């Protein structure tokens, strides 16, 4: 896949206790954002999930045996979710970039926004892989090794190609979400390519990129003013910034600053 402008989306609570990310091997860098683990026993209640232009296969782990008991596929989302679940659990997952998931699955991704279903429906052969290999693992090192081998096989066997006009349009949005030049094809054709490869329209993609950029700016510099935050990340004004943050996180930028600061205090 062609090299895209660097973009590393973050979650709402990247430094919360019990949450840890692992980078993929060089063969999967650019396709996989990370592998991650979360132990909600260390962080009970009110777990904020925000759109991050990623999709995940999430595995549930039995805390007594250390074995994986179940799994689910969670597609790219355009809405926040805040759980207040009293049943704490251990989780492990692989997180795909929205634009690379297409290369690992049999079908096109049109209509896959906010999809939650069985991994087998997306990754043919997953059920036997899970049953015969993955379910018996007890460490995340084993899980990462097996998942990388499985995903590399999918990448090679499917041998899918991403349309160059889609990649060019996506790269433009990653560099500047406010500007998209379709080039030799029409906007309508480009929209169809975005739906096929990602399940998102270009305008939706641009809004999520802008939101994530704003979120990352706050994370790096919690003292930044709202006006500067809006200017640096391409929002029309501070009111537009607040509106988009509330749409994608249920919180204002100031509230997200406090969430980041609270979770930093939980680092062990």
C-alpha atoms as a PDB file:
ATOM      1  CA  UNK A   1       0.000   0.000   0.000  1.00  0.00           C
ATOM      2  CA  UNK A   2       1.255   3.475  -0.854  1.00  0.00           C
ATOM      3  CA  UNK A   3       2.704   5.453   2.013  1.00  0.00           C
ATOM      4  CA  UNK A   4       0.159   7.859   3.488  1.00  0.00           C
ATOM      5  CA  UNK A   5       0.732  10.978   5.548  1.00  0.00           C
ATOM      6  CA  UNK A   6       1.449   9.924   9.135  1.00  0.00           C
ATOM      7  CA  UNK A   7      -1.681   9.730  11.257  1.00  0.00           C
ATOM      8  CA  UNK A   8      -1.851   7.964  14.614  1.00  0.00           C
ATOM      9  CA  UNK A   9      -5.358   8.245  16.086  1.00  0.00           C
ATOM     10  CA  UNK A  10      -5.678   7.992  19.858  1.00  0.00           C
ATOM     11  CA  UNK A  11      -8.354   6.731  22.221  1.00  0.00           C
ATOM     12  CA  UNK A  12     -10.121   8.894  24.801  1.00  0.00           C
ATOM     13  CA  UNK A  13      -8.171   7.422  27.736  1.00  0.00           C
ATOM     14  CA  UNK A  14      -4.714   6.494  26.357  1.00  0.00           C
ATOM     15  CA  UNK A  15      -2.996   6.577  29.761  1.00  0.00           C
ATOM     16  CA  UNK A  16      -5.644   4.988  31.917  1.00  0.00           C
ATOM     17  CA  UNK A  17      -4.579   2.233  34.284  1.00  0.00           C
ATOM     18  CA  UNK A  18      -4.916  -1.223  32.755  1.00  0.00           C
ATOM     19  CA  UNK A  19      -4.670  -0.005  29.135  1.00  0.00           C
ATOM     20  CA  UNK A  20      -1.582  -0.749  27.037  1.00  0.00           C
ATOM     21  CA  UNK A  21      -0.756  -0.691  23.326  1.00  0.00           C
ATOM     22  CA  UNK A  22       1.718  -2.851  21.380  1.00  0.00           C
ATOM     23  CA  UNK A  23       3.030  -1.809  17.969  1.00  0.00           C
ATOM     24  CA  UNK A  24       2.818  -4.329  15.104  1.00  0.00           C
ATOM     25  CA  UNK A  25       5.807  -5.821  13.334  1.00  0.00           C
ATOM     26  CA  UNK A  26       7.349  -3.943  10.400  1.00  0.00           C
ATOM     27  CA  UNK A  27       5.450  -6.162   7.936  1.00  0.00           C
ATOM     28  CA  UNK A  28       2.122  -4.864   9.262  1.00  0.00           C
ATOM     29  CA  UNK A  29       3.067  -1.278  10.095  1.00  0.00           C
ATOM     30  CA  UNK A  30       0.791   0.975   8.071  1.00  0.00           C
ATOM     31  CA  UNK A  31      -1.982  -1.627   8.150  1.00  0.00           C
ATOM     32  CA  UNK A  32      -2.389  -2.181  11.899  1.00  0.00           C
ATOM     33  CA  UNK A  33      -2.574   0.781  14.287  1.00  0.00           C
ATOM     34  CA  UNK A  34      -1.728  -1.415  17.284  1.00  0.00           C
ATOM     35  CA  UNK A  35      -2.610  -4.380  19.418  1.00  0.00           C
ATOM     36  CA  UNK A  36      -4.048  -3.393  22.774  1.00  0.00           C
ATOM     37  CA  UNK A  37      -5.054  -4.771  26.137  1.00  0.00           C
ATOM     38  CA  UNK A  38      -7.402  -3.359  28.762  1.00  0.00           C
ATOM     39  CA  UNK A  39      -8.196  -4.572  32.227  1.00  0.00           C
ATOM     40  CA  UNK A  40     -11.369  -2.840  33.326  1.00  0.00           C
ATOM     41  CA  UNK A  41     -10.910  -4.104  36.864  1.00  0.00           C
ATOM     42  CA  UNK A  42      -8.310  -1.328  37.181  1.00  0.00           C
ATOM     43  CA  UNK A  43     -10.596   1.270  35.671  1.00  0.00           C
ATOM     44  CA  UNK A  44     -14.255   0.548  36.442  1.00  0.00           C
ATOM     45  CA  UNK A  45     -17.159   2.491  34.982  1.00  0.00           C
ATOM     46  CA  UNK A  46     -17.626   5.343  32.518  1.00  0.00           C
ATOM     47  CA  UNK A  47     -15.238   4.107  29.831  1.00  0.00           C
ATOM     48  CA  UNK A  48     -15.442   6.627  26.986  1.00  0.00           C
ATOM     49  CA  UNK A  49     -15.022   5.271  23.451  1.00  0.00           C
ATOM     50  CA  UNK A  50     -14.642   7.831  20.664  1.00  0.00           C
ATOM     51  CA  UNK A  51     -14.390   7.601  16.853  1.00  0.00           C
ATOM     52  CA  UNK A  52     -10.771   6.981  15.909  1.00  0.00           C
ATOM     53  CA  UNK A  53     -10.915   5.945  12.236  1.00  0.00           C
ATOM     54  CA  UNK A  54     -10.106   2.382  13.248  1.00  0.00           C
ATOM     55  CA  UNK A  55     -11.820  -1.006  13.416  1.00  0.00           C
ATOM     56  CA  UNK A  56     -11.096  -3.762  15.941  1.00  0.00           C
ATOM     57  CA  UNK A  57     -11.335  -7.466  16.603  1.00  0.00           C
ATOM     58  CA  UNK A  58     -11.873  -7.564  20.377  1.00  0.00           C
ATOM     59  CA  UNK A  59     -11.261 -10.675  22.476  1.00  0.00           C
ATOM     60  CA  UNK A  60     -12.751 -11.334  25.901  1.00  0.00           C
ATOM     61  CA  UNK A  61     -10.449 -13.114  28.370  1.00  0.00           C
ATOM     62  CA  UNK A  62     -11.373 -15.215  31.385  1.00  0.00           C
ATOM     63  CA  UNK A  63      -9.509 -13.593  34.294  1.00  0.00           C
ATOM     64  CA  UNK A  64      -9.200 -16.903  36.163  1.00  0.00           C
ATOM     65  CA  UNK A  65      -7.886 -19.160  33.369  1.00  0.00           C
ATOM     66  CA  UNK A  66      -6.325 -16.524  31.136  1.00  0.00           C
ATOM     67  CA  UNK A  67      -8.028 -18.123  28.121  1.00  0.00           C
ATOM     68  CA  UNK A  68      -9.891 -16.255  25.399  1.00  0.00           C
ATOM     69  CA  UNK A  69     -13.604 -16.987  25.713  1.00  0.00           C
ATOM     70  CA  UNK A  70     -15.171 -14.958  22.908  1.00  0.00           C
ATOM     71  CA  UNK A  71     -14.533 -12.309  20.256  1.00  0.00           C
ATOM     72  CA  UNK A  72     -16.317  -9.744  18.142  1.00  0.00           C
ATOM     73  CA  UNK A  73     -15.617  -7.429  15.231  1.00  0.00           C
ATOM     74  CA  UNK A  74     -16.306  -3.711  15.763  1.00  0.00           C
ATOM     75  CA  UNK A  75     -16.250  -1.578  12.629  1.00  0.00           C
ATOM     76  CA  UNK A  76     -15.348   2.050  12.079  1.00  0.00           C
ATOM     77  CA  UNK A  77     -17.574   4.320  14.148  1.00  0.00           C
ATOM     78  CA  UNK A  78     -18.783   7.890  13.773  1.00  0.00           C
ATOM     79  CA  UNK A  79     -20.335   8.203  17.231  1.00  0.00           C
ATOM     80  CA  UNK A  80     -19.079   8.154  20.838  1.00  0.00           C
ATOM     81  CA  UNK A  81     -20.048   5.508  23.339  1.00  0.00           C
ATOM     82  CA  UNK A  82     -19.767   5.751  27.110  1.00  0.00           C
ATOM     83  CA  UNK A  83     -20.256   2.512  29.014  1.00  0.00           C
ATOM     84  CA  UNK A  84     -21.068   2.290  32.695  1.00  0.00           C
ATOM     85  CA  UNK A  85     -20.728  -1.451  33.063  1.00  0.00           C
ATOM     86  CA  UNK A  86     -20.385  -2.977  36.504  1.00  0.00           C
ATOM     87  CA  UNK A  87     -19.123  -6.254  35.026  1.00  0.00           C
ATOM     88  CA  UNK A  88     -15.416  -5.594  34.654  1.00  0.00           C
ATOM     89  CA  UNK A  89     -13.427  -7.677  32.174  1.00  0.00           C
ATOM     90  CA  UNK A  90     -10.061  -8.271  30.555  1.00  0.00           C
ATOM     91  CA  UNK A  91      -9.834  -7.458  26.864  1.00  0.00           C
ATOM     92  CA  UNK A  92      -7.284  -7.903  24.098  1.00  0.00           C
ATOM     93  CA  UNK A  93      -7.672  -6.573  20.557  1.00  0.00           C
ATOM     94  CA  UNK A  94      -6.131  -5.820  17.196  1.00  0.00           C
ATOM     95  CA  UNK A  95      -6.901  -2.359  15.812  1.00  0.00           C
ATOM     96  CA  UNK A  96      -6.922  -1.777  12.041  1.00  0.00           C
ATOM     97  CA  UNK A  97      -6.698   1.571  10.298  1.00  0.00           C
ATOM     98  CA  UNK A  98     -10.003   2.247   8.544  1.00  0.00           C
ATOM     99  CA  UNK A  99      -8.269   2.447   5.159  1.00  0.00           C
ATOM    100  CA  UNK A 100      -6.329  -0.832   5.485  1.00  0.00           C
ATOM    101  CA  UNK A 101      -9.122  -3.119   6.746  1.00  0.00           C
ATOM    102  CA  UNK A 102     -10.306  -3.569   3.130  1.00  0.00           C
ATOM    103  CA  UNK A 103      -7.120  -5.533   2.365  1.00  0.00           C
ATOM    104  CA  UNK A 104      -7.848  -8.216   4.999  1.00  0.00           C
ATOM    105  CA  UNK A 105     -11.539  -8.907   4.377  1.00  0.00           C
ATOM    106  CA  UNK A 106     -13.358 -10.636   1.541  1.00  0.00           C
ATOM    107  CA  UNK A 107     -16.043  -8.013   0.891  1.00  0.00           C
ATOM    108  CA  UNK A 108     -16.136  -4.329   0.095  1.00  0.00           C
ATOM    109  CA  UNK A 109     -16.865  -2.083   3.081  1.00  0.00           C
ATOM    110  CA  UNK A 110     -19.826  -0.031   1.812  1.00  0.00           C
ATOM    111  CA  UNK A 111     -22.459   0.064   4.552  1.00  0.00           C
ATOM    112  CA  UNK A 112     -20.098  -1.130   7.282  1.00  0.00           C
ATOM    113  CA  UNK A 113     -20.225   2.036   9.408  1.00  0.00           C
ATOM    114  CA  UNK A 114     -20.863   1.207  13.093  1.00  0.00           C
ATOM    115  CA  UNK A 115     -20.986  -2.512  12.267  1.00  0.00           C
ATOM    116  CA  UNK A 116     -20.676  -5.041  15.105  1.00  0.00           C
ATOM    117  CA  UNK A 117     -20.690  -8.714  14.104  1.00  0.00           C
ATOM    118  CA  UNK A 118     -18.885 -12.059  14.179  1.00  0.00           C
ATOM    119  CA  UNK A 119     -15.265 -11.894  12.953  1.00  0.00           C
ATOM    120  CA  UNK A 120     -15.921 -14.862  10.628  1.00  0.00           C
ATOM    121  CA  UNK A 121     -18.361 -12.684   8.677  1.00  0.00           C
ATOM    122  CA  UNK A 122     -15.449 -10.393   7.820  1.00  0.00           C
ATOM    123  CA  UNK A 123     -12.432 -12.735   7.852  1.00  0.00           C
ATOM    124  CA  UNK A 124     -13.167 -16.081   6.177  1.00  0.00           C
ATOM    125  CA  UNK A 125     -11.429 -18.902   8.068  1.00  0.00           C
ATOM    126  CA  UNK A 126     -11.342 -16.969  11.326  1.00  0.00           C
ATOM    127  CA  UNK A 127     -13.557 -19.444  13.240  1.00  0.00           C
ATOM    128  CA  UNK A 128     -11.221 -22.397  12.693  1.00  0.00           C
ATOM    129  CA  UNK A 129      -8.195 -20.213  13.450  1.00  0.00           C
ATOM    130  CA  UNK A 130      -9.818 -19.083  16.706  1.00  0.00           C
ATOM    131  CA  UNK A 131     -10.916 -22.573  17.736  1.00  0.00           C
ATOM    132  CA  UNK A 132      -7.771 -24.494  16.756  1.00  0.00           C
ATOM    133  CA  UNK A 133      -5.040 -21.975  17.612  1.00  0.00           C
ATOM    134  CA  UNK A 134      -6.036 -18.753  19.278  1.00  0.00           C
ATOM    135  CA  UNK A 135      -8.438 -19.888  22.014  1.00  0.00           C
ATOM    136  CA  UNK A 136      -5.681 -21.790  23.831  1.00  0.00           C
ATOM    137  CA  UNK A 137      -3.324 -18.844  24.201  1.00  0.00           C
ATOM    138  CA  UNK A 138      -2.700 -17.372  27.636  1.00  0.00           C
ATOM    139  CA  UNK A 139      -0.272 -14.500  26.911  1.00  0.00           C
ATOM    140  CA  UNK A 140      -0.536 -11.437  24.696  1.00  0.00           C
ATOM    141  CA  UNK A 141       2.838 -12.231  23.116  1.00  0.00           C
ATOM    142  CA  UNK A 142       1.386 -15.523  21.845  1.00  0.00           C
ATOM    143  CA  UNK A 143      -1.774 -13.782  20.661  1.00  0.00           C
ATOM    144  CA  UNK A 144       0.118 -11.111  18.743  1.00  0.00           C
ATOM    145  CA  UNK A 145       2.327 -13.721  17.056  1.00  0.00           C
ATOM    146  CA  UNK A 146      -0.645 -15.837  15.947  1.00  0.00           C
ATOM    147  CA  UNK A 147      -2.730 -12.864  14.824  1.00  0.00           C
ATOM    148  CA  UNK A 148       0.112 -11.401  12.787  1.00  0.00           C
ATOM    149  CA  UNK A 149       0.624 -14.738  11.021  1.00  0.00           C
ATOM    150  CA  UNK A 150      -3.122 -15.044  10.337  1.00  0.00           C
ATOM    151  CA  UNK A 151      -3.393 -11.482   9.009  1.00  0.00           C
ATOM    152  CA  UNK A 152      -0.295 -11.758   6.838  1.00  0.00           C
ATOM    153  CA  UNK A 153      -1.784 -14.900   5.268  1.00  0.00           C
ATOM    154  CA  UNK A 154      -4.994 -12.982   4.557  1.00  0.00           C
ATOM    155  CA  UNK A 155      -3.050 -10.099   3.037  1.00  0.00           C
ATOM    156  CA  UNK A 156      -1.134 -12.427   0.714  1.00  0.00           C
ATOM    157  CA  UNK A 157      -4.013 -14.737  -0.199  1.00  0.00           C
ATOM    158  CA  UNK A 158      -6.519 -11.978  -0.980  1.00  0.00           C
ATOM    159  CA  UNK A 159      -3.928  -9.845  -2.785  1.00  0.00           C
ATOM    160  CA  UNK A 160      -6.396  -6.955  -3.015  1.00  0.00           C
ATOM    161  CA  UNK A 161      -5.437  -3.639  -4.551  1.00  0.00           C
ATOM    162  CA  UNK A 162      -6.587  -0.265  -3.269  1.00  0.00           C
ATOM    163  CA  UNK A 163      -7.619   2.153  -5.996  1.00  0.00           C
ATOM    164  CA  UNK A 164      -4.927   4.833  -6.458  1.00  0.00           C
ATOM    165  CA  UNK A 165      -7.511   7.632  -6.657  1.00  0.00           C
ATOM    166  CA  UNK A 166      -8.821   6.622  -3.237  1.00  0.00           C
ATOM    167  CA  UNK A 167      -5.310   6.609  -1.793  1.00  0.00           C
ATOM    168  CA  UNK A 168      -4.573  10.008  -3.319  1.00  0.00           C
ATOM    169  CA  UNK A 169      -7.822  11.462  -1.946  1.00  0.00           C
ATOM    170  CA  UNK A 170      -7.218   9.975   1.488  1.00  0.00           C
ATOM    171  CA  UNK A 171      -3.653  11.282   1.584  1.00  0.00           C
ATOM    172  CA  UNK A 172      -4.923  14.767   0.740  1.00  0.00           C
ATOM    173  CA  UNK A 173      -7.407  14.602   3.629  1.00  0.00           C
ATOM    174  CA  UNK A 174      -4.778  13.330   6.055  1.00  0.00           C
ATOM    175  CA  UNK A 175      -2.587  16.294   5.134  1.00  0.00           C
ATOM    176  CA  UNK A 176      -5.419  18.842   5.105  1.00  0.00           C
ATOM    177  CA  UNK A 177      -8.969  17.726   6.004  1.00  0.00           C
ATOM    178  CA  UNK A 178     -10.369  21.024   4.683  1.00  0.00           C
ATOM    179  CA  UNK A 179      -9.207  20.472   1.120  1.00  0.00           C
ATOM    180  CA  UNK A 180      -9.946  17.598  -1.290  1.00  0.00           C
ATOM    181  CA  UNK A 181      -9.180  17.811  -5.019  1.00  0.00           C
ATOM    182  CA  UNK A 182     -10.677  14.864  -6.935  1.00  0.00           C
ATOM    183  CA  UNK A 183      -8.232  15.139  -9.856  1.00  0.00           C
ATOM    184  CA  UNK A 184      -9.113  13.031 -12.911  1.00  0.00           C
ATOM    185  CA  UNK A 185     -12.302  11.588 -11.397  1.00  0.00           C
ATOM    186  CA  UNK A 186     -15.521  13.199 -10.219  1.00  0.00           C
ATOM    187  CA  UNK A 187     -16.502  13.785  -6.605  1.00  0.00           C
ATOM    188  CA  UNK A 188     -19.257  11.178  -7.009  1.00  0.00           C
ATOM    189  CA  UNK A 189     -16.749   8.562  -8.218  1.00  0.00           C
ATOM    190  CA  UNK A 190     -14.444   9.426  -5.327  1.00  0.00           C
ATOM    191  CA  UNK A 191     -17.329   9.027  -2.866  1.00  0.00           C
ATOM    192  CA  UNK A 192     -18.004   5.537  -4.241  1.00  0.00           C
ATOM    193  CA  UNK A 193     -14.323   4.640  -3.812  1.00  0.00           C
ATOM    194  CA  UNK A 194     -14.323   5.875  -0.212  1.00  0.00           C
ATOM    195  CA  UNK A 195     -17.442   3.811   0.543  1.00  0.00           C
ATOM    196  CA  UNK A 196     -15.929   0.714  -1.078  1.00  0.00           C
ATOM    197  CA  UNK A 197     -12.565   0.940   0.660  1.00  0.00           C
ATOM    198  CA  UNK A 198     -13.585   2.356   4.033  1.00  0.00           C
ATOM    199  CA  UNK A 199     -17.371   2.515   4.436  1.00  0.00           C
ATOM    200  CA  UNK A 200     -17.127   6.301   4.905  1.00  0.00           C
ATOM    201  CA  UNK A 201     -17.799   9.294   2.685  1.00  0.00           C
ATOM    202  CA  UNK A 202     -14.947  11.777   2.118  1.00  0.00           C
ATOM    203  CA  UNK A 203     -16.717  14.485   4.156  1.00  0.00           C
ATOM    204  CA  UNK A 204     -17.225  12.084   7.087  1.00  0.00           C
ATOM    205  CA  UNK A 205     -13.583  11.074   6.864  1.00  0.00           C
ATOM    206  CA  UNK A 206     -12.444  14.697   6.876  1.00  0.00           C
ATOM    207  CA  UNK A 207     -14.546  15.520   9.952  1.00  0.00           C
ATOM    208  CA  UNK A 208     -13.159  12.535  11.883  1.00  0.00           C
ATOM    209  CA  UNK A 209      -9.575  13.392  10.905  1.00  0.00           C
ATOM    210  CA  UNK A 210     -10.098  16.990  12.062  1.00  0.00           C
ATOM    211  CA  UNK A 211     -11.633  15.833  15.354  1.00  0.00           C
ATOM    212  CA  UNK A 212      -8.774  13.413  16.002  1.00  0.00           C
ATOM    213  CA  UNK A 213      -6.203  16.083  15.175  1.00  0.00           C
ATOM    214  CA  UNK A 214      -7.866  18.435  17.662  1.00  0.00           C
ATOM    215  CA  UNK A 215      -7.954  15.687  20.278  1.00  0.00           C
ATOM    216  CA  UNK A 216      -4.260  14.933  19.810  1.00  0.00           C
ATOM    217  CA  UNK A 217      -3.427  18.649  20.104  1.00  0.00           C
ATOM    218  CA  UNK A 218      -5.197  18.799  23.473  1.00  0.00           C
ATOM    219  CA  UNK A 219      -3.443  15.625  24.597  1.00  0.00           C
ATOM    220  CA  UNK A 220      -0.022  17.079  23.780  1.00  0.00           C
ATOM    221  CA  UNK A 221      -0.772  20.589  25.046  1.00  0.00           C
ATOM    222  CA  UNK A 222      -3.600  20.780  27.616  1.00  0.00           C
ATOM    223  CA  UNK A 223      -2.929  24.500  28.157  1.00  0.00           C
ATOM    224  CA  UNK A 224      -3.839  25.474  24.592  1.00  0.00           C
ATOM    225  CA  UNK A 225      -6.666  27.995  24.223  1.00  0.00           C
ATOM    226  CA  UNK A 226      -9.888  27.132  22.422  1.00  0.00           C
ATOM    227  CA  UNK A 227      -9.288  29.783  19.754  1.00  0.00           C
ATOM    228  CA  UNK A 228      -5.799  28.468  18.977  1.00  0.00           C
ATOM    229  CA  UNK A 229      -7.039  24.874  18.995  1.00  0.00           C
ATOM    230  CA  UNK A 230      -9.701  25.759  16.422  1.00  0.00           C
ATOM    231  CA  UNK A 231      -7.253  27.667  14.222  1.00  0.00           C
ATOM    232  CA  UNK A 232      -4.518  25.021  14.225  1.00  0.00           C
ATOM    233  CA  UNK A 233      -6.876  22.189  13.309  1.00  0.00           C
ATOM    234  CA  UNK A 234      -8.989  23.793  10.599  1.00  0.00           C
ATOM    235  CA  UNK A 235     -12.232  24.441  12.459  1.00  0.00           C
ATOM    236  CA  UNK A 236     -14.209  27.447  11.217  1.00  0.00           C
ATOM    237  CA  UNK A 237     -14.274  28.986  14.699  1.00  0.00           C
ATOM    238  CA  UNK A 238     -14.438  28.048  18.366  1.00  0.00           C
ATOM    239  CA  UNK A 239     -18.199  27.371  18.212  1.00  0.00           C
ATOM    240  CA  UNK A 240     -17.618  24.905  15.354  1.00  0.00           C
ATOM    241  CA  UNK A 241     -14.845  23.239  17.383  1.00  0.00           C
ATOM    242  CA  UNK A 242     -17.102  22.759  20.423  1.00  0.00           C
ATOM    243  CA  UNK A 243     -19.963  21.445  18.291  1.00  0.00           C
ATOM    244  CA  UNK A 244     -17.771  18.829  16.606  1.00  0.00           C
ATOM    245  CA  UNK A 245     -16.188  17.733  19.892  1.00  0.00           C
ATOM    246  CA  UNK A 246     -19.603  17.243  21.481  1.00  0.00           C
ATOM    247  CA  UNK A 247     -20.742  15.303  18.414  1.00  0.00           C
ATOM    248  CA  UNK A 248     -17.808  12.885  18.474  1.00  0.00           C
ATOM    249  CA  UNK A 249     -17.018  12.650  22.191  1.00  0.00           C
ATOM    250  CA  UNK A 250     -20.102  13.898  24.079  1.00  0.00           C
ATOM    251  CA  UNK A 251     -17.721  16.387  25.695  1.00  0.00           C
ATOM    252  CA  UNK A 252     -16.388  19.886  25.071  1.00  0.00           C
ATOM    253  CA  UNK A 253     -12.651  20.403  24.454  1.00  0.00           C
ATOM    254  CA  UNK A 254     -12.289  21.678  28.033  1.00  0.00           C
ATOM    255  CA  UNK A 255     -13.968  18.536  29.383  1.00  0.00           C
ATOM    256  CA  UNK A 256     -11.682  16.344  27.257  1.00  0.00           C
ATOM    257  CA  UNK A 257      -8.672  18.147  28.758  1.00  0.00           C
ATOM    258  CA  UNK A 258      -9.898  17.123  32.200  1.00  0.00           C
ATOM    259  CA  UNK A 259     -10.463  13.525  31.095  1.00  0.00           C
ATOM    260  CA  UNK A 260      -6.876  13.346  29.833  1.00  0.00           C
ATOM    261  CA  UNK A 261      -5.527  14.862  33.063  1.00  0.00           C
ATOM    262  CA  UNK A 262      -7.585  12.513  35.257  1.00  0.00           C
ATOM    263  CA  UNK A 263      -6.331   9.478  33.396  1.00  0.00           C
ATOM    264  CA  UNK A 264      -2.698  10.562  33.553  1.00  0.00           C
ATOM    265  CA  UNK A 265      -3.059  10.342  37.332  1.00  0.00           C
ATOM    266  CA  UNK A 266      -3.981   6.689  36.972  1.00  0.00           C
ATOM    267  CA  UNK A 267      -0.733   5.635  35.323  1.00  0.00           C
ATOM    268  CA  UNK A 268       1.080   3.015  37.410  1.00  0.00           C
END
